[in-house]
Amino acid sequence: MRLISSLSLVIISIFTVAQAKNTSLLSGLKQDILKNEKKTNELNSDNLEKSWINSVVGSFSYNSSDSSGRRRESNTLSVYINQPIFKSGGIYYAIKYADANRDFLRISTKLTEQGEIKTVLASLYSLKKLDLQIQKQNYMIDNAKIDIIRKKEQYQSGFLDSSYLNQAILSQSSLQRALLDMKSSRLELVRTLKSYSDVDINSVTLPHFTLINRSEFLDKSLLLKQKNSEITKNNYLKKMTISSYLPTVTLNAGYYNTHDFGNNKYTSFGLSVSMPIFDINRGRSIEIKRLEYLKSKLELQDSYKAESENFDLALKKIKLLKEKITLAKEDVKLYDSLLQSTKDSYKAGEKTIYDVDTLKNSKNTMALDVKIFKTDIELSLLNLYAKMNGKI
């Protein structure tokens, strides 16, 4: 626990290549979709911010009548507005709600964007890991082939029964099938990657992630920022709902131009005050908005707890992976020593080339394990970085 506690004081400062700090890893189509979503959100937010302003209405009417042989024509041009100018704070809350909703939409789009970038990076890291595993599998198959040759010789010399040889053959077959499954998984990964990105798999440079502190992770968590924004939004929505049941002052103004037997022009101006006297749903409507506001505050606490647990889990995984790396490095050193002594024995005629090749392949598998575990650390850190604002 003390190790976890100390590690939690040092998690994630990122040194990432420039291309991972923006959407350049995404395909042109994905980038266009995100740009369209951002522009749509901004326009909708602008509309919402000014939704309290009513339209200026213009109208024109023409009438013609024929009574007792006398024809009469008239037309009227009018321009008028019916505009609330005071809603017991409702106008102010409407503007603030629009601003809060704008922030909420921006953060939501950012989460979508980083989620897609994470998918690209995770696919690239998984491809790297799978390629290492394929190399490792080939070394294991080479050792299995050597084992078959040895057991075949021992079987033919009468030192082993057929069951040992059969088991060696089955083991090689199992390893080869597993290799084919890995190659199939690689095809699926490439397909997923191509649906999100146009990058050249063979030339792209992957970012490198390192450890930082818990407070920075939680402070930059996009999910927590989104939840905070939702609290602000729901708070103003609650206040807007309450204000809708309070007095409203409305400006009424108009210009009228009527042509009948003469030309009659006039303007009108007035103020009116209104307020709902009775609304059967008033109490429930306000209570619903209050509960939605309370729910968003509870969700923030729940998300904070979940993000903290995700952080701790990532640290524990990284700790275990580092222990695996240490063990694999020790195995590499051990195999290196055994390989050197076996080479000397081979030169002296005491060992066969199969002994040398078997140890060499085993050493190589351990060296690849080190690289595989390091890639797993990068994937664990990527899961955290994708949640942080401005990190990928």
Protein backbone atom coordinates (compact mmCIF):
# COMPACT_ATOMS: atom_id res chain seq x y z
CA MET A 1 0.00 0.00 0.00
CA ARG A 2 2.88 2.38 0.75
CA LEU A 3 4.26 1.72 -2.71
CA ILE A 4 0.88 2.53 -4.29
CA SER A 5 0.60 5.64 -2.14
CA SER A 6 4.03 6.88 -3.20
CA LEU A 7 3.38 6.06 -6.82
CA SER A 8 0.16 8.06 -6.66
CA LEU A 9 2.30 11.13 -5.99
CA VAL A 10 4.13 10.68 -9.33
CA ILE A 11 1.83 9.80 -12.25
CA ILE A 12 1.76 10.91 -15.86
CA SER A 13 3.80 13.76 -17.32
CA ILE A 14 3.68 13.30 -21.03
CA PHE A 15 6.36 13.66 -23.64
CA THR A 16 4.42 12.97 -26.78
CA VAL A 17 5.10 13.66 -30.42
CA ALA A 18 3.33 16.64 -31.95
CA GLN A 19 0.99 14.55 -34.06
CA ALA A 20 -0.56 12.95 -30.99
CA LYS A 21 -1.56 16.34 -29.56
CA ASN A 22 -4.19 16.97 -32.23
CA THR A 23 -6.47 15.15 -34.62
CA SER A 24 -3.81 14.46 -37.26
CA LEU A 25 -3.88 10.76 -36.36
CA LEU A 26 -7.51 10.61 -37.49
CA SER A 27 -8.59 10.11 -41.07
CA GLY A 28 -9.66 13.12 -43.11
CA LEU A 29 -13.27 11.92 -42.97
CA LYS A 30 -13.19 11.59 -39.16
CA GLN A 31 -11.68 15.07 -38.87
CA ASP A 32 -14.39 16.52 -41.11
CA ILE A 33 -17.11 14.87 -39.00
CA LEU A 34 -15.61 16.37 -35.83
CA LYS A 35 -15.29 19.82 -37.41
CA ASN A 36 -18.92 19.63 -38.51
CA GLU A 37 -20.03 18.60 -35.01
CA LYS A 38 -18.06 21.45 -33.40
CA LYS A 39 -19.51 24.02 -35.81
CA THR A 40 -23.05 22.68 -35.29
CA ASN A 41 -22.63 22.84 -31.51
CA GLU A 42 -21.43 26.45 -31.69
CA LEU A 43 -24.33 27.52 -33.92
CA ASN A 44 -26.88 25.74 -31.72
CA SER A 45 -25.33 27.38 -28.67
CA ASP A 46 -25.55 30.82 -30.32
CA ASN A 47 -29.22 30.18 -31.07
CA LEU A 48 -29.87 29.08 -27.50
CA GLU A 49 -28.09 32.13 -26.07
CA LYS A 50 -30.37 34.47 -28.04
CA SER A 51 -33.53 32.36 -27.86
CA TRP A 52 -35.13 34.82 -25.39
CA ILE A 53 -35.19 37.52 -28.09
CA ASN A 54 -38.47 37.35 -30.02
CA SER A 55 -38.79 37.98 -33.72
CA VAL A 56 -39.76 41.33 -35.19
CA VAL A 57 -42.85 40.45 -37.21
CA GLY A 58 -43.89 42.17 -40.40
CA SER A 59 -47.22 41.68 -42.15
CA PHE A 60 -49.16 43.04 -45.09
CA SER A 61 -52.86 42.64 -45.74
CA TYR A 62 -55.02 43.65 -48.70
CA ASN A 63 -58.81 43.74 -48.73
CA SER A 64 -61.25 44.46 -51.55
CA SER A 65 -65.04 44.63 -51.18
CA ASP A 66 -67.97 45.54 -53.42
CA SER A 67 -71.05 46.77 -51.56
CA SER A 68 -74.07 48.41 -53.24
CA GLY A 69 -72.10 48.98 -56.38
CA ARG A 70 -69.32 50.74 -54.56
CA ARG A 71 -65.89 49.16 -54.58
CA ARG A 72 -63.65 49.64 -51.58
CA GLU A 73 -59.99 48.65 -51.28
CA SER A 74 -57.67 48.82 -48.31
CA ASN A 75 -54.23 47.56 -47.42
CA THR A 76 -52.26 47.59 -44.21
CA LEU A 77 -48.54 47.30 -43.60
CA SER A 78 -47.48 46.59 -40.03
CA VAL A 79 -44.28 45.86 -38.14
CA TYR A 80 -44.52 44.87 -34.50
CA ILE A 81 -42.71 43.13 -31.66
CA ASN A 82 -43.81 41.49 -28.45
CA GLN A 83 -40.62 41.21 -26.39
CA PRO A 84 -40.15 40.18 -22.72
CA ILE A 85 -37.63 42.59 -21.16
CA PHE A 86 -37.81 41.33 -17.59
CA LYS A 87 -38.57 37.76 -16.42
CA SER A 88 -37.56 37.84 -12.75
CA GLY A 89 -34.03 36.77 -13.64
CA GLY A 90 -35.15 34.35 -16.34
CA ILE A 91 -33.38 36.23 -19.16
CA TYR A 92 -30.09 36.27 -17.26
CA TYR A 93 -30.42 32.58 -16.37
CA ALA A 94 -31.27 31.73 -19.98
CA ILE A 95 -28.04 33.38 -21.17
CA LYS A 96 -25.98 31.69 -18.46
CA TYR A 97 -27.63 28.35 -19.25
CA ALA A 98 -26.68 28.74 -22.91
CA ASP A 99 -23.07 29.45 -21.95
CA ALA A 100 -22.97 26.41 -19.64
CA ASN A 101 -24.53 24.23 -22.33
CA ARG A 102 -21.90 25.47 -24.81
CA ASP A 103 -19.13 24.38 -22.43
CA PHE A 104 -20.85 21.03 -21.92
CA LEU A 105 -21.06 20.40 -25.66
CA ARG A 106 -17.44 21.42 -26.22
CA ILE A 107 -16.24 19.01 -23.55
CA SER A 108 -18.48 16.23 -24.90
CA THR A 109 -17.05 16.71 -28.39
CA LYS A 110 -13.53 16.73 -26.95
CA LEU A 111 -14.25 13.42 -25.22
CA THR A 112 -15.44 11.98 -28.54
CA GLU A 113 -12.34 13.30 -30.31
CA GLN A 114 -9.92 11.92 -27.73
CA GLY A 115 -11.80 8.63 -27.66
CA GLU A 116 -11.21 8.23 -31.39
CA ILE A 117 -7.54 9.25 -31.10
CA LYS A 118 -7.20 6.72 -28.27
CA THR A 119 -8.65 4.03 -30.54
CA VAL A 120 -5.99 4.83 -33.16
CA LEU A 121 -3.13 4.85 -30.64
CA ALA A 122 -4.39 1.73 -28.86
CA SER A 123 -4.57 -0.06 -32.23
CA LEU A 124 -1.01 1.02 -33.07
CA TYR A 125 0.33 -0.11 -29.69
CA SER A 126 -1.61 -3.38 -29.95
CA LEU A 127 -0.13 -3.96 -33.41
CA LYS A 128 3.34 -3.36 -32.00
CA LYS A 129 2.63 -5.79 -29.16
CA LEU A 130 1.17 -8.39 -31.51
CA ASP A 131 4.18 -8.18 -33.83
CA LEU A 132 6.43 -8.81 -30.83
CA GLN A 133 4.25 -11.75 -29.79
CA ILE A 134 4.43 -13.16 -33.32
CA GLN A 135 8.23 -12.97 -33.20
CA LYS A 136 8.18 -14.69 -29.82
CA GLN A 137 5.83 -17.37 -31.14
CA ASN A 138 8.19 -18.09 -34.04
CA TYR A 139 11.08 -18.64 -31.59
CA MET A 140 8.88 -21.00 -29.56
CA ILE A 141 7.94 -22.91 -32.74
CA ASP A 142 11.64 -23.20 -33.63
CA ASN A 143 12.29 -24.74 -30.20
CA ALA A 144 9.33 -27.09 -30.68
CA LYS A 145 10.80 -28.26 -33.99
CA ILE A 146 14.15 -28.88 -32.32
CA ASP A 147 12.36 -30.83 -29.59
CA ILE A 148 10.68 -33.02 -32.23
CA ILE A 149 14.05 -33.75 -33.90
CA ARG A 150 15.58 -34.72 -30.56
CA LYS A 151 12.67 -36.92 -29.50
CA LYS A 152 12.54 -38.53 -32.93
CA GLU A 153 16.21 -39.49 -32.61
CA GLN A 154 15.64 -40.78 -29.07
CA TYR A 155 12.55 -42.73 -30.20
CA GLN A 156 14.41 -44.30 -33.12
CA SER A 157 17.27 -45.21 -30.76
CA GLY A 158 14.83 -46.84 -28.37
CA PHE A 159 15.34 -44.41 -25.48
CA LEU A 160 11.76 -43.00 -25.63
CA ASP A 161 8.36 -44.46 -26.48
CA SER A 162 6.14 -42.90 -29.15
CA SER A 163 3.96 -40.96 -26.66
CA TYR A 164 6.76 -38.44 -26.00
CA LEU A 165 7.31 -37.88 -29.69
CA ASN A 166 3.56 -37.57 -30.25
CA GLN A 167 3.31 -34.99 -27.45
CA ALA A 168 6.11 -32.93 -29.01
CA ILE A 169 4.36 -32.98 -32.39
CA LEU A 170 1.05 -31.91 -30.83
CA SER A 171 2.83 -29.10 -28.96
CA GLN A 172 4.32 -27.76 -32.20
CA SER A 173 0.94 -27.97 -33.94
CA SER A 174 -0.70 -26.05 -31.09
CA LEU A 175 1.93 -23.31 -31.29
CA GLN A 176 1.47 -23.00 -35.05
CA ARG A 177 -2.31 -22.71 -34.72
CA ALA A 178 -1.84 -20.02 -32.09
CA LEU A 179 0.46 -18.18 -34.52
CA LEU A 180 -2.25 -18.26 -37.18
CA ASP A 181 -4.74 -16.84 -34.65
CA MET A 182 -2.32 -14.00 -33.92
CA LYS A 183 -2.01 -13.21 -37.61
CA SER A 184 -5.80 -13.20 -37.90
CA SER A 185 -6.04 -10.82 -34.93
CA ARG A 186 -3.50 -8.59 -36.63
CA LEU A 187 -5.70 -8.35 -39.72
CA GLU A 188 -8.64 -7.29 -37.53
CA LEU A 189 -6.51 -4.65 -35.82
CA VAL A 190 -5.38 -3.24 -39.15
CA ARG A 191 -9.00 -3.11 -40.31
CA THR A 192 -10.04 -1.22 -37.16
CA LEU A 193 -7.14 1.18 -37.55
CA LYS A 194 -7.95 1.94 -41.18
CA SER A 195 -11.54 2.79 -40.27
CA TYR A 196 -10.23 5.57 -38.01
CA SER A 197 -6.94 6.68 -39.52
CA ASP A 198 -4.96 7.13 -42.73
CA VAL A 199 -1.54 6.86 -41.04
CA ASP A 200 1.20 4.67 -42.48
CA ILE A 201 1.55 1.85 -39.95
CA ASN A 202 5.19 1.30 -40.84
CA SER A 203 6.32 4.91 -40.48
CA VAL A 204 4.20 6.39 -37.66
CA THR A 205 6.08 7.32 -34.47
CA LEU A 206 4.28 6.35 -31.29
CA PRO A 207 4.19 8.76 -28.31
CA HIS A 208 5.85 7.88 -25.01
CA PHE A 209 4.00 8.25 -21.70
CA THR A 210 5.51 8.54 -18.22
CA LEU A 211 4.18 8.77 -14.65
CA ILE A 212 2.67 11.90 -12.89
CA ASN A 213 0.50 12.74 -9.84
CA ARG A 214 -3.10 11.97 -8.92
CA SER A 215 -4.16 15.60 -8.45
CA GLU A 216 -3.13 16.51 -12.00
CA PHE A 217 -5.02 13.52 -13.41
CA LEU A 218 -8.22 14.41 -11.54
CA ASP A 219 -7.82 18.13 -12.25
CA LYS A 220 -7.54 17.49 -16.00
CA SER A 221 -10.12 14.71 -16.21
CA LEU A 222 -12.46 15.53 -19.08
CA LEU A 223 -15.20 13.39 -17.55
CA LEU A 224 -15.09 15.38 -14.30
CA LYS A 225 -15.04 18.65 -16.25
CA GLN A 226 -18.10 17.45 -18.17
CA LYS A 227 -19.90 16.54 -14.94
CA ASN A 228 -19.08 19.95 -13.41
CA SER A 229 -20.37 21.64 -16.54
CA GLU A 230 -23.57 19.60 -16.32
CA ILE A 231 -24.07 20.73 -12.71
CA THR A 232 -23.78 24.37 -13.76
CA LYS A 233 -26.14 23.80 -16.68
CA ASN A 234 -28.78 22.08 -14.56
CA ASN A 235 -28.53 24.75 -11.88
CA TYR A 236 -29.38 27.51 -14.36
CA LEU A 237 -32.12 25.35 -15.88
CA LYS A 238 -33.67 24.97 -12.43
CA LYS A 239 -33.56 28.75 -11.91
CA MET A 240 -35.06 29.33 -15.37
CA THR A 241 -37.94 27.02 -14.47
CA ILE A 242 -38.61 28.86 -11.20
CA SER A 243 -38.49 32.27 -12.94
CA SER A 244 -41.08 31.14 -15.50
CA TYR A 245 -43.67 31.20 -12.69
CA LEU A 246 -42.72 34.75 -11.58
CA PRO A 247 -43.70 38.15 -13.06
CA THR A 248 -42.72 38.99 -16.62
CA VAL A 249 -42.59 42.49 -18.10
CA THR A 250 -43.17 42.60 -21.85
CA LEU A 251 -42.57 45.42 -24.32
CA ASN A 252 -45.19 45.76 -27.06
CA ALA A 253 -44.37 48.07 -29.98
CA GLY A 254 -45.60 48.40 -33.52
CA TYR A 255 -45.76 50.53 -36.65
CA TYR A 256 -48.88 50.50 -38.85
CA ASN A 257 -49.54 52.07 -42.26
CA THR A 258 -53.10 51.73 -43.58
CA HIS A 259 -54.33 52.86 -46.99
CA ASP A 260 -58.10 53.14 -47.20
CA PHE A 261 -59.86 56.36 -48.09
CA GLY A 262 -56.81 58.08 -46.77
CA ASN A 263 -53.31 57.33 -45.60
CA ASN A 264 -53.31 56.48 -41.91
CA LYS A 265 -49.94 55.95 -40.21
CA TYR A 266 -49.50 55.35 -36.52
CA THR A 267 -47.27 53.65 -33.97
CA SER A 268 -48.04 51.93 -30.70
CA PHE A 269 -46.01 51.33 -27.59
CA GLY A 270 -46.84 49.67 -24.33
CA LEU A 271 -45.74 47.54 -21.41
CA SER A 272 -47.53 44.62 -19.89
CA VAL A 273 -46.96 42.59 -16.75
CA SER A 274 -48.01 38.97 -16.54
CA MET A 275 -47.62 36.09 -14.16
CA PRO A 276 -49.05 32.58 -14.03
CA ILE A 277 -51.74 32.56 -11.35
CA PHE A 278 -52.33 28.84 -11.32
CA ASP A 279 -50.43 25.96 -12.91
CA ILE A 280 -51.26 22.47 -11.71
CA ASN A 281 -47.78 21.20 -12.65
CA ARG A 282 -45.81 24.10 -11.12
CA GLY A 283 -44.59 22.27 -8.02
CA ARG A 284 -43.73 19.08 -9.89
CA SER A 285 -41.92 20.92 -12.70
CA ILE A 286 -39.72 22.80 -10.24
CA GLU A 287 -39.08 19.64 -8.22
CA ILE A 288 -38.04 17.73 -11.35
CA LYS A 289 -35.42 20.36 -12.20
CA ARG A 290 -34.22 20.41 -8.59
CA LEU A 291 -33.82 16.61 -8.65
CA GLU A 292 -31.98 16.75 -11.98
CA TYR A 293 -29.60 19.29 -10.45
CA LEU A 294 -29.12 17.09 -7.37
CA LYS A 295 -28.60 14.04 -9.60
CA SER A 296 -25.83 15.77 -11.54
CA LYS A 297 -24.06 16.63 -8.26
CA LEU A 298 -24.29 13.01 -7.11
CA GLU A 299 -23.03 11.81 -10.49
CA LEU A 300 -19.98 14.06 -10.11
CA GLN A 301 -19.15 12.42 -6.77
CA ASP A 302 -19.65 8.98 -8.31
CA SER A 303 -17.47 9.85 -11.31
CA TYR A 304 -14.77 11.28 -9.04
CA LYS A 305 -14.70 7.99 -7.14
CA ALA A 306 -14.62 5.97 -10.38
CA GLU A 307 -11.80 8.07 -11.84
CA SER A 308 -9.79 7.69 -8.62
CA GLU A 309 -10.27 3.92 -8.76
CA ASN A 310 -9.24 3.85 -12.42
CA PHE A 311 -6.10 5.76 -11.46
CA ASP A 312 -5.26 3.32 -8.65
CA LEU A 313 -5.93 0.31 -10.87
CA ALA A 314 -3.59 1.69 -13.55
CA LEU A 315 -0.86 2.13 -10.93
CA LYS A 316 -1.28 -1.43 -9.67
CA LYS A 317 -1.12 -2.81 -13.22
CA ILE A 318 1.99 -0.77 -13.96
CA LYS A 319 3.61 -2.00 -10.72
CA LEU A 320 2.95 -5.64 -11.71
CA LEU A 321 4.21 -5.06 -15.25
CA LYS A 322 7.41 -3.53 -13.91
CA GLU A 323 7.90 -6.61 -11.72
CA LYS A 324 7.42 -8.80 -14.80
CA ILE A 325 10.00 -6.73 -16.67
CA THR A 326 12.48 -7.21 -13.82
CA LEU A 327 11.92 -10.98 -13.85
CA ALA A 328 12.23 -11.16 -17.65
CA LYS A 329 15.49 -9.19 -17.56
CA GLU A 330 16.86 -11.58 -14.92
CA ASP A 331 15.87 -14.51 -17.15
CA VAL A 332 17.66 -12.89 -20.10
CA LYS A 333 20.83 -12.62 -18.02
CA LEU A 334 20.49 -16.24 -16.90
CA TYR A 335 19.95 -17.52 -20.44
CA ASP A 336 22.82 -15.37 -21.67
CA SER A 337 25.15 -17.04 -19.17
CA LEU A 338 23.84 -20.52 -20.03
CA LEU A 339 24.12 -19.80 -23.75
CA GLN A 340 27.75 -18.75 -23.42
CA SER A 341 28.71 -21.87 -21.45
CA THR A 342 26.75 -24.06 -23.89
CA LYS A 343 28.58 -22.51 -26.85
CA ASP A 344 31.88 -23.34 -25.15
CA SER A 345 30.69 -26.92 -24.55
CA TYR A 346 29.56 -27.17 -28.17
CA LYS A 347 33.01 -26.13 -29.38
CA ALA A 348 34.48 -28.81 -27.11
CA GLY A 349 32.10 -31.39 -28.59
CA GLU A 350 30.15 -31.86 -25.35
CA LYS A 351 26.92 -30.23 -26.55
CA THR A 352 25.00 -30.22 -29.83
CA ILE A 353 23.99 -27.29 -32.03
CA TYR A 354 20.42 -28.01 -30.91
CA ASP A 355 21.38 -27.11 -27.33
CA VAL A 356 22.82 -23.81 -28.52
CA ASP A 357 19.83 -22.96 -30.71
CA THR A 358 17.30 -23.89 -28.01
CA LEU A 359 18.91 -21.58 -25.45
CA LYS A 360 19.32 -18.80 -28.00
CA ASN A 361 15.61 -18.99 -28.89
CA SER A 362 14.64 -19.05 -25.22
CA LYS A 363 16.80 -15.99 -24.51
CA ASN A 364 15.18 -14.16 -27.42
CA THR A 365 11.67 -14.93 -26.13
CA MET A 366 12.59 -13.43 -22.74
CA ALA A 367 14.02 -10.32 -24.40
CA LEU A 368 10.80 -9.92 -26.37
CA ASP A 369 8.79 -10.28 -23.14
CA VAL A 370 10.55 -7.17 -21.82
CA LYS A 371 9.38 -5.21 -24.88
CA ILE A 372 5.87 -6.67 -24.66
CA PHE A 373 5.48 -5.66 -21.00
CA LYS A 374 6.76 -2.15 -21.76
CA THR A 375 4.12 -1.87 -24.47
CA ASP A 376 1.48 -2.98 -21.95
CA ILE A 377 2.61 -0.10 -19.69
CA GLU A 378 2.14 2.35 -22.55
CA LEU A 379 -1.38 0.99 -23.13
CA SER A 380 -2.22 1.34 -19.42
CA LEU A 381 -1.02 4.95 -19.41
CA LEU A 382 -2.85 5.67 -22.68
CA ASN A 383 -6.13 4.74 -20.96
CA LEU A 384 -5.43 7.51 -18.44
CA TYR A 385 -4.11 10.08 -20.91
CA ALA A 386 -7.16 9.74 -23.11
CA LYS A 387 -9.25 10.93 -20.16
CA MET A 388 -7.17 14.06 -19.61
CA ASN A 389 -7.68 17.43 -21.26
CA GLY A 390 -4.88 18.43 -23.65
CA LYS A 391 -2.83 15.25 -23.22
CA ILE A 392 -3.41 13.47 -26.54
